[in-house]
């Protein structure tokens, strides 16, 4: 396992230790960067307009199309580090 993968996994653990809830924009960024880093480009059908939460999550992920998994992992790590105030 690479150093990046280990740091990505550690960031997934660290994000659960946040003392305050991140903003909705930060939550969407965390979600989309995690999905892009772990799965790659968005897949599946876009949720319907009545499913606003999952639609917003899907749209945030789809905006990262073409971003490499390694780049998304590093961005996720950087965001978690910023949110933790380190």
PDB file of N, CA and C in Angstrom:
ATOM      1  N   UNK A   1       0.855  -1.181   0.000  1.00  0.00           N
ATOM      2  CA  UNK A   1       0.000   0.000   0.000  1.00  0.00           C
ATOM      3  C   UNK A   1       0.899   1.242   0.000  1.00  0.00           C
ATOM      4  N   UNK A   2       0.558   2.182  -0.840  1.00  0.00           N
ATOM      5  CA  UNK A   2       1.372   3.394  -0.970  1.00  0.00           C
ATOM      6  C   UNK A   2       1.149   4.340   0.211  1.00  0.00           C
ATOM      7  N   UNK A   3       2.064   5.286   0.352  1.00  0.00           N
ATOM      8  CA  UNK A   3       1.925   6.302   1.408  1.00  0.00           C
ATOM      9  C   UNK A   3       0.645   7.108   1.221  1.00  0.00           C
ATOM     10  N   UNK A   4       0.313   7.398  -0.045  1.00  0.00           N
ATOM     11  CA  UNK A   4      -0.907   8.162  -0.321  1.00  0.00           C
ATOM     12  C   UNK A   4      -2.144   7.386   0.140  1.00  0.00           C
ATOM     13  N   UNK A   5      -2.174   6.092  -0.155  1.00  0.00           N
ATOM     14  CA  UNK A   5      -3.318   5.269   0.258  1.00  0.00           C
ATOM     15  C   UNK A   5      -3.427   5.200   1.782  1.00  0.00           C
ATOM     16  N   UNK A   6      -2.285   5.089   2.457  1.00  0.00           N
ATOM     17  CA  UNK A   6      -2.297   5.062   3.919  1.00  0.00           C
ATOM     18  C   UNK A   6      -2.792   6.392   4.483  1.00  0.00           C
ATOM     19  N   UNK A   7      -2.329   7.493   3.913  1.00  0.00           N
ATOM     20  CA  UNK A   7      -2.773   8.816   4.364  1.00  0.00           C
ATOM     21  C   UNK A   7      -4.259   9.020   4.092  1.00  0.00           C
ATOM     22  N   UNK A   8      -4.742   8.495   2.965  1.00  0.00           N
ATOM     23  CA  UNK A   8      -6.157   8.585   2.606  1.00  0.00           C
ATOM     24  C   UNK A   8      -7.001   7.823   3.628  1.00  0.00           C
ATOM     25  N   UNK A   9      -6.551   6.634   3.980  1.00  0.00           N
ATOM     26  CA  UNK A   9      -7.275   5.843   4.985  1.00  0.00           C
ATOM     27  C   UNK A   9      -7.242   6.530   6.344  1.00  0.00           C
ATOM     28  N   UNK A  10      -6.115   7.113   6.705  1.00  0.00           N
ATOM     29  CA  UNK A  10      -6.012   7.804   7.986  1.00  0.00           C
ATOM     30  C   UNK A  10      -6.916   9.030   8.002  1.00  0.00           C
ATOM     31  N   UNK A  11      -7.017   9.727   6.892  1.00  0.00           N
ATOM     32  CA  UNK A  11      -7.895  10.897   6.811  1.00  0.00           C
ATOM     33  C   UNK A  11      -9.353  10.492   7.002  1.00  0.00           C
ATOM     34  N   UNK A  12      -9.725   9.300   6.523  1.00  0.00           N
ATOM     35  CA  UNK A  12     -11.088   8.795   6.709  1.00  0.00           C
ATOM     36  C   UNK A  12     -11.381   8.551   8.182  1.00  0.00           C
ATOM     37  N   UNK A  13     -10.378   8.141   8.930  1.00  0.00           N
ATOM     38  CA  UNK A  13     -10.529   7.947  10.376  1.00  0.00           C
ATOM     39  C   UNK A  13     -10.545   9.303  11.075  1.00  0.00           C
ATOM     40  N   UNK A  14      -9.626  10.174  10.676  1.00  0.00           N
ATOM     41  CA  UNK A  14      -9.486  11.481  11.320  1.00  0.00           C
ATOM     42  C   UNK A  14     -10.721  12.353  11.160  1.00  0.00           C
ATOM     43  N   UNK A  15     -11.389  12.256  10.009  1.00  0.00           N
ATOM     44  CA  UNK A  15     -12.544  13.125   9.753  1.00  0.00           C
ATOM     45  C   UNK A  15     -13.669  12.833  10.754  1.00  0.00           C
ATOM     46  N   UNK A  16     -13.689  11.636  11.284  1.00  0.00           N
ATOM     47  CA  UNK A  16     -14.723  11.273  12.260  1.00  0.00           C
ATOM     48  C   UNK A  16     -14.474  11.888  13.628  1.00  0.00           C
ATOM     49  N   UNK A  17     -13.306  12.500  13.804  1.00  0.00           N
ATOM     50  CA  UNK A  17     -12.973  13.110  15.098  1.00  0.00           C
ATOM     51  C   UNK A  17     -13.240  14.614  15.120  1.00  0.00           C
ATOM     52  N   UNK A  18     -13.815  15.151  14.050  1.00  0.00           N
ATOM     53  CA  UNK A  18     -14.116  16.584  14.016  1.00  0.00           C
ATOM     54  C   UNK A  18     -15.050  16.942  15.168  1.00  0.00           C
ATOM     55  N   UNK A  19     -14.760  18.044  15.828  1.00  0.00           N
ATOM     56  CA  UNK A  19     -15.571  18.448  16.983  1.00  0.00           C
ATOM     57  C   UNK A  19     -16.794  19.257  16.578  1.00  0.00           C
ATOM     58  N   UNK A  20     -16.778  19.833  15.371  1.00  0.00           N
ATOM     59  CA  UNK A  20     -17.952  20.563  14.900  1.00  0.00           C
ATOM     60  C   UNK A  20     -18.283  20.093  13.489  1.00  0.00           C
ATOM     61  N   UNK A  21     -19.555  20.193  13.143  1.00  0.00           N
ATOM     62  CA  UNK A  21     -20.006  19.744  11.830  1.00  0.00           C
ATOM     63  C   UNK A  21     -19.524  20.717  10.761  1.00  0.00           C
ATOM     64  N   UNK A  22     -18.897  20.195   9.703  1.00  0.00           N
ATOM     65  CA  UNK A  22     -18.466  21.060   8.598  1.00  0.00           C
ATOM     66  C   UNK A  22     -19.664  21.680   7.882  1.00  0.00           C
ATOM     67  N   UNK A  23     -19.415  22.729   7.129  1.00  0.00           N
ATOM     68  CA  UNK A  23     -20.466  23.366   6.334  1.00  0.00           C
ATOM     69  C   UNK A  23     -20.962  22.382   5.273  1.00  0.00           C
ATOM     70  N   UNK A  24     -22.126  22.676   4.719  1.00  0.00           N
ATOM     71  CA  UNK A  24     -22.668  21.808   3.665  1.00  0.00           C
ATOM     72  C   UNK A  24     -21.724  21.723   2.474  1.00  0.00           C
ATOM     73  N   UNK A  25     -21.088  22.837   2.124  1.00  0.00           N
ATOM     74  CA  UNK A  25     -20.135  22.822   1.004  1.00  0.00           C
ATOM     75  C   UNK A  25     -18.953  21.912   1.303  1.00  0.00           C
ATOM     76  N   UNK A  26     -18.440  21.992   2.535  1.00  0.00           N
ATOM     77  CA  UNK A  26     -17.334  21.111   2.914  1.00  0.00           C
ATOM     78  C   UNK A  26     -17.773  19.648   2.941  1.00  0.00           C
ATOM     79  N   UNK A  27     -18.988  19.387   3.414  1.00  0.00           N
ATOM     80  CA  UNK A  27     -19.493  18.013   3.426  1.00  0.00           C
ATOM     81  C   UNK A  27     -19.612  17.454   2.010  1.00  0.00           C
ATOM     82  N   UNK A  28     -20.111  18.275   1.090  1.00  0.00           N
ATOM     83  CA  UNK A  28     -20.199  17.830  -0.303  1.00  0.00           C
ATOM     84  C   UNK A  28     -18.814  17.597  -0.895  1.00  0.00           C
ATOM     85  N   UNK A  29     -17.872  18.453  -0.546  1.00  0.00           N
ATOM     86  CA  UNK A  29     -16.495  18.268  -1.032  1.00  0.00           C
ATOM     87  C   UNK A  29     -15.894  16.986  -0.475  1.00  0.00           C
ATOM     88  N   UNK A  30     -16.093  16.748   0.816  1.00  0.00           N
ATOM     89  CA  UNK A  30     -15.593  15.512   1.413  1.00  0.00           C
ATOM     90  C   UNK A  30     -16.179  14.291   0.706  1.00  0.00           C
ATOM     91  N   UNK A  31     -17.482  14.320   0.507  1.00  0.00           N
ATOM     92  CA  UNK A  31     -18.160  13.197  -0.145  1.00  0.00           C
ATOM     93  C   UNK A  31     -17.623  12.982  -1.556  1.00  0.00           C
ATOM     94  N   UNK A  32     -17.599  14.044  -2.346  1.00  0.00           N
ATOM     95  CA  UNK A  32     -17.216  13.894  -3.751  1.00  0.00           C
ATOM     96  C   UNK A  32     -15.745  13.499  -3.901  1.00  0.00           C
ATOM     97  N   UNK A  33     -14.877  14.072  -3.081  1.00  0.00           N
ATOM     98  CA  UNK A  33     -13.454  13.699  -3.154  1.00  0.00           C
ATOM     99  C   UNK A  33     -13.240  12.262  -2.710  1.00  0.00           C
ATOM    100  N   UNK A  34     -13.977  11.834  -1.682  1.00  0.00           N
ATOM    101  CA  UNK A  34     -13.875  10.448  -1.237  1.00  0.00           C
ATOM    102  C   UNK A  34     -14.322   9.497  -2.352  1.00  0.00           C
ATOM    103  N   UNK A  35     -15.476   9.785  -2.962  1.00  0.00           N
ATOM    104  CA  UNK A  35     -15.990   8.910  -4.019  1.00  0.00           C
ATOM    105  C   UNK A  35     -15.045   8.887  -5.220  1.00  0.00           C
ATOM    106  N   UNK A  36     -14.533  10.058  -5.619  1.00  0.00           N
ATOM    107  CA  UNK A  36     -13.621  10.122  -6.761  1.00  0.00           C
ATOM    108  C   UNK A  36     -12.329   9.387  -6.448  1.00  0.00           C
ATOM    109  N   UNK A  37     -11.842   9.549  -5.208  1.00  0.00           N
ATOM    110  CA  UNK A  37     -10.600   8.888  -4.822  1.00  0.00           C
ATOM    111  C   UNK A  37     -10.730   7.387  -4.678  1.00  0.00           C
ATOM    112  N   UNK A  38     -11.893   6.909  -4.285  1.00  0.00           N
ATOM    113  CA  UNK A  38     -12.055   5.480  -4.055  1.00  0.00           C
ATOM    114  C   UNK A  38     -12.692   4.738  -5.229  1.00  0.00           C
ATOM    115  N   UNK A  39     -13.535   5.406  -6.013  1.00  0.00           N
ATOM    116  CA  UNK A  39     -14.247   4.725  -7.099  1.00  0.00           C
ATOM    117  C   UNK A  39     -13.906   5.255  -8.486  1.00  0.00           C
ATOM    118  N   UNK A  40     -13.463   6.497  -8.591  1.00  0.00           N
ATOM    119  CA  UNK A  40     -13.224   7.103  -9.901  1.00  0.00           C
ATOM    120  C   UNK A  40     -14.418   7.943 -10.313  1.00  0.00           C
ATOM    121  N   UNK A  41     -14.584   8.139 -11.610  1.00  0.00           N
ATOM    122  CA  UNK A  41     -15.652   8.997 -12.128  1.00  0.00           C
ATOM    123  C   UNK A  41     -17.032   8.510 -11.699  1.00  0.00           C
ATOM    124  N   UNK A  42     -17.957   9.467 -11.594  1.00  0.00           N
ATOM    125  CA  UNK A  42     -19.331   9.171 -11.170  1.00  0.00           C
ATOM    126  C   UNK A  42     -19.948   8.101 -12.058  1.00  0.00           C
ATOM    127  N   UNK A  43     -20.727   7.239 -11.427  1.00  0.00           N
ATOM    128  CA  UNK A  43     -21.375   6.157 -12.161  1.00  0.00           C
ATOM    129  C   UNK A  43     -22.832   6.072 -11.727  1.00  0.00           C
ATOM    130  N   UNK A  44     -23.612   5.407 -12.521  1.00  0.00           N
ATOM    131  CA  UNK A  44     -25.023   5.262 -12.200  1.00  0.00           C
ATOM    132  C   UNK A  44     -25.835   6.439 -12.719  1.00  0.00           C
ATOM    133  N   UNK A  45     -27.129   6.366 -12.467  1.00  0.00           N
ATOM    134  CA  UNK A  45     -28.037   7.409 -12.930  1.00  0.00           C
ATOM    135  C   UNK A  45     -28.110   8.541 -11.915  1.00  0.00           C
ATOM    136  N   UNK A  46     -28.289   9.733 -12.424  1.00  0.00           N
ATOM    137  CA  UNK A  46     -28.455  10.913 -11.571  1.00  0.00           C
ATOM    138  C   UNK A  46     -29.810  10.809 -10.874  1.00  0.00           C
ATOM    139  N   UNK A  47     -29.845  10.986  -9.547  1.00  0.00           N
ATOM    140  CA  UNK A  47     -31.118  10.912  -8.827  1.00  0.00           C
ATOM    141  C   UNK A  47     -32.108  11.973  -9.325  1.00  0.00           C
ATOM    142  N   UNK A  48     -33.386  11.684  -9.174  1.00  0.00           N
ATOM    143  CA  UNK A  48     -34.442  12.594  -9.612  1.00  0.00           C
ATOM    144  C   UNK A  48     -34.443  13.886  -8.813  1.00  0.00           C
ATOM    145  N   UNK A  49     -35.147  14.874  -9.334  1.00  0.00           N
ATOM    146  CA  UNK A  49     -35.114  16.198  -8.717  1.00  0.00           C
ATOM    147  C   UNK A  49     -35.783  16.246  -7.347  1.00  0.00           C
ATOM    148  N   UNK A  50     -36.600  15.272  -7.021  1.00  0.00           N
ATOM    149  CA  UNK A  50     -37.231  15.248  -5.700  1.00  0.00           C
ATOM    150  C   UNK A  50     -36.291  14.686  -4.623  1.00  0.00           C
ATOM    151  N   UNK A  51     -35.243  14.016  -5.051  1.00  0.00           N
ATOM    152  CA  UNK A  51     -34.240  13.474  -4.126  1.00  0.00           C
ATOM    153  C   UNK A  51     -33.077  14.467  -4.071  1.00  0.00           C
ATOM    154  N   UNK A  52     -33.331  15.611  -3.441  1.00  0.00           N
ATOM    155  CA  UNK A  52     -32.391  16.734  -3.493  1.00  0.00           C
ATOM    156  C   UNK A  52     -31.029  16.429  -2.874  1.00  0.00           C
ATOM    157  N   UNK A  53     -31.003  15.714  -1.773  1.00  0.00           N
ATOM    158  CA  UNK A  53     -29.737  15.440  -1.095  1.00  0.00           C
ATOM    159  C   UNK A  53     -28.846  14.557  -1.960  1.00  0.00           C
ATOM    160  N   UNK A  54     -29.384  13.429  -2.408  1.00  0.00           N
ATOM    161  CA  UNK A  54     -28.570  12.524  -3.227  1.00  0.00           C
ATOM    162  C   UNK A  54     -28.237  13.121  -4.586  1.00  0.00           C
ATOM    163  N   UNK A  55     -29.099  13.976  -5.091  1.00  0.00           N
ATOM    164  CA  UNK A  55     -28.823  14.655  -6.356  1.00  0.00           C
ATOM    165  C   UNK A  55     -27.643  15.615  -6.182  1.00  0.00           C
ATOM    166  N   UNK A  56     -27.626  16.357  -5.092  1.00  0.00           N
ATOM    167  CA  UNK A  56     -26.512  17.284  -4.825  1.00  0.00           C
ATOM    168  C   UNK A  56     -25.207  16.507  -4.650  1.00  0.00           C
ATOM    169  N   UNK A  57     -25.269  15.379  -3.966  1.00  0.00           N
ATOM    170  CA  UNK A  57     -24.072  14.560  -3.780  1.00  0.00           C
ATOM    171  C   UNK A  57     -23.571  14.025  -5.121  1.00  0.00           C
ATOM    172  N   UNK A  58     -24.484  13.535  -5.935  1.00  0.00           N
ATOM    173  CA  UNK A  58     -24.111  13.011  -7.249  1.00  0.00           C
ATOM    174  C   UNK A  58     -23.509  14.117  -8.114  1.00  0.00           C
ATOM    175  N   UNK A  59     -24.149  15.282  -8.122  1.00  0.00           N
ATOM    176  CA  UNK A  59     -23.655  16.401  -8.935  1.00  0.00           C
ATOM    177  C   UNK A  59     -22.257  16.841  -8.500  1.00  0.00           C
ATOM    178  N   UNK A  60     -22.017  16.876  -7.178  1.00  0.00           N
ATOM    179  CA  UNK A  60     -20.691  17.257  -6.673  1.00  0.00           C
ATOM    180  C   UNK A  60     -19.636  16.246  -7.132  1.00  0.00           C
ATOM    181  N   UNK A  61     -19.994  14.971  -7.099  1.00  0.00           N
ATOM    182  CA  UNK A  61     -19.082  13.920  -7.549  1.00  0.00           C
ATOM    183  C   UNK A  61     -18.859  14.030  -9.058  1.00  0.00           C
ATOM    184  N   UNK A  62     -19.923  14.232  -9.821  1.00  0.00           N
ATOM    185  CA  UNK A  62     -19.821  14.302 -11.283  1.00  0.00           C
ATOM    186  C   UNK A  62     -18.954  15.480 -11.735  1.00  0.00           C
ATOM    187  N   UNK A  63     -18.906  16.559 -10.944  1.00  0.00           N
ATOM    188  CA  UNK A  63     -18.068  17.713 -11.297  1.00  0.00           C
ATOM    189  C   UNK A  63     -16.583  17.365 -11.298  1.00  0.00           C
ATOM    190  N   UNK A  64     -16.217  16.298 -10.616  1.00  0.00           N
ATOM    191  CA  UNK A  64     -14.814  15.896 -10.535  1.00  0.00           C
ATOM    192  C   UNK A  64     -14.412  14.931 -11.646  1.00  0.00           C
ATOM    193  N   UNK A  65     -15.307  14.712 -12.598  1.00  0.00           N
ATOM    194  CA  UNK A  65     -15.012  13.779 -13.687  1.00  0.00           C
ATOM    195  C   UNK A  65     -13.697  14.135 -14.353  1.00  0.00           C
ATOM    196  N   UNK A  66     -12.865  13.128 -14.543  1.00  0.00           N
ATOM    197  CA  UNK A  66     -11.561  13.324 -15.170  1.00  0.00           C
ATOM    198  C   UNK A  66     -10.441  13.558 -14.168  1.00  0.00           C
ATOM    199  N   UNK A  67     -10.792  13.842 -12.907  1.00  0.00           N
ATOM    200  CA  UNK A  67      -9.783  14.000 -11.861  1.00  0.00           C
ATOM    201  C   UNK A  67      -9.218  12.623 -11.527  1.00  0.00           C
ATOM    202  N   UNK A  68      -7.903  12.518 -11.454  1.00  0.00           N
ATOM    203  CA  UNK A  68      -7.315  11.218 -11.134  1.00  0.00           C
ATOM    204  C   UNK A  68      -7.645  10.833  -9.696  1.00  0.00           C
ATOM    205  N   UNK A  69      -7.645   9.542  -9.432  1.00  0.00           N
ATOM    206  CA  UNK A  69      -7.934   9.071  -8.084  1.00  0.00           C
ATOM    207  C   UNK A  69      -6.875   9.581  -7.101  1.00  0.00           C
ATOM    208  N   UNK A  70      -5.612   9.593  -7.512  1.00  0.00           N
ATOM    209  CA  UNK A  70      -4.554  10.068  -6.627  1.00  0.00           C
ATOM    210  C   UNK A  70      -4.731  11.547  -6.294  1.00  0.00           C
ATOM    211  N   UNK A  71      -5.104  12.338  -7.285  1.00  0.00           N
ATOM    212  CA  UNK A  71      -5.327  13.762  -7.060  1.00  0.00           C
ATOM    213  C   UNK A  71      -6.502  13.977  -6.105  1.00  0.00           C
ATOM    214  N   UNK A  72      -7.571  13.218  -6.285  1.00  0.00           N
ATOM    215  CA  UNK A  72      -8.739  13.328  -5.409  1.00  0.00           C
ATOM    216  C   UNK A  72      -8.392  12.900  -3.988  1.00  0.00           C
ATOM    217  N   UNK A  73      -7.595  11.856  -3.854  1.00  0.00           N
ATOM    218  CA  UNK A  73      -7.179  11.393  -2.524  1.00  0.00           C
ATOM    219  C   UNK A  73      -6.383  12.484  -1.816  1.00  0.00           C
ATOM    220  N   UNK A  74      -5.445  13.114  -2.535  1.00  0.00           N
ATOM    221  CA  UNK A  74      -4.631  14.161  -1.926  1.00  0.00           C
ATOM    222  C   UNK A  74      -5.494  15.360  -1.546  1.00  0.00           C
ATOM    223  N   UNK A  75      -6.446  15.718  -2.381  1.00  0.00           N
ATOM    224  CA  UNK A  75      -7.343  16.830  -2.068  1.00  0.00           C
ATOM    225  C   UNK A  75      -8.203  16.514  -0.845  1.00  0.00           C
ATOM    226  N   UNK A  76      -8.641  15.279  -0.727  1.00  0.00           N
ATOM    227  CA  UNK A  76      -9.415  14.837   0.437  1.00  0.00           C
ATOM    228  C   UNK A  76      -8.572  14.971   1.705  1.00  0.00           C
ATOM    229  N   UNK A  77      -7.343  14.490   1.642  1.00  0.00           N
ATOM    230  CA  UNK A  77      -6.422  14.572   2.785  1.00  0.00           C
ATOM    231  C   UNK A  77      -6.204  16.027   3.174  1.00  0.00           C
ATOM    232  N   UNK A  78      -5.972  16.891   2.184  1.00  0.00           N
ATOM    233  CA  UNK A  78      -5.743  18.312   2.441  1.00  0.00           C
ATOM    234  C   UNK A  78      -6.966  18.963   3.089  1.00  0.00           C
ATOM    235  N   UNK A  79      -8.165  18.602   2.623  1.00  0.00           N
ATOM    236  CA  UNK A  79      -9.395  19.172   3.185  1.00  0.00           C
ATOM    237  C   UNK A  79      -9.601  18.709   4.616  1.00  0.00           C
ATOM    238  N   UNK A  80      -9.388  17.439   4.887  1.00  0.00           N
ATOM    239  CA  UNK A  80      -9.529  16.931   6.254  1.00  0.00           C
ATOM    240  C   UNK A  80      -8.534  17.620   7.174  1.00  0.00           C
ATOM    241  N   UNK A  81      -7.307  17.783   6.713  1.00  0.00           N
ATOM    242  CA  UNK A  81      -6.283  18.461   7.508  1.00  0.00           C
ATOM    243  C   UNK A  81      -6.698  19.896   7.809  1.00  0.00           C
ATOM    244  N   UNK A  82      -7.235  20.588   6.804  1.00  0.00           N
ATOM    245  CA  UNK A  82      -7.706  21.964   7.015  1.00  0.00           C
ATOM    246  C   UNK A  82      -8.852  22.007   8.019  1.00  0.00           C
ATOM    247  N   UNK A  83      -9.782  21.086   7.881  1.00  0.00           N
ATOM    248  CA  UNK A  83     -10.933  21.063   8.795  1.00  0.00           C
ATOM    249  C   UNK A  83     -10.532  20.741  10.231  1.00  0.00           C
ATOM    250  N   UNK A  84      -9.492  19.958  10.372  1.00  0.00           N
ATOM    251  CA  UNK A  84      -8.993  19.625  11.705  1.00  0.00           C
ATOM    252  C   UNK A  84      -8.165  20.767  12.302  1.00  0.00           C
ATOM    253  N   UNK A  85      -7.828  21.741  11.468  1.00  0.00           N
ATOM    254  CA  UNK A  85      -7.065  22.890  11.945  1.00  0.00           C
ATOM    255  C   UNK A  85      -5.604  22.600  12.163  1.00  0.00           C
ATOM    256  N   UNK A  86      -5.089  21.640  11.419  1.00  0.00           N
ATOM    257  CA  UNK A  86      -3.684  21.265  11.576  1.00  0.00           C
ATOM    258  C   UNK A  86      -2.812  22.010  10.598  1.00  0.00           C
TER     259      UNK A  86
END
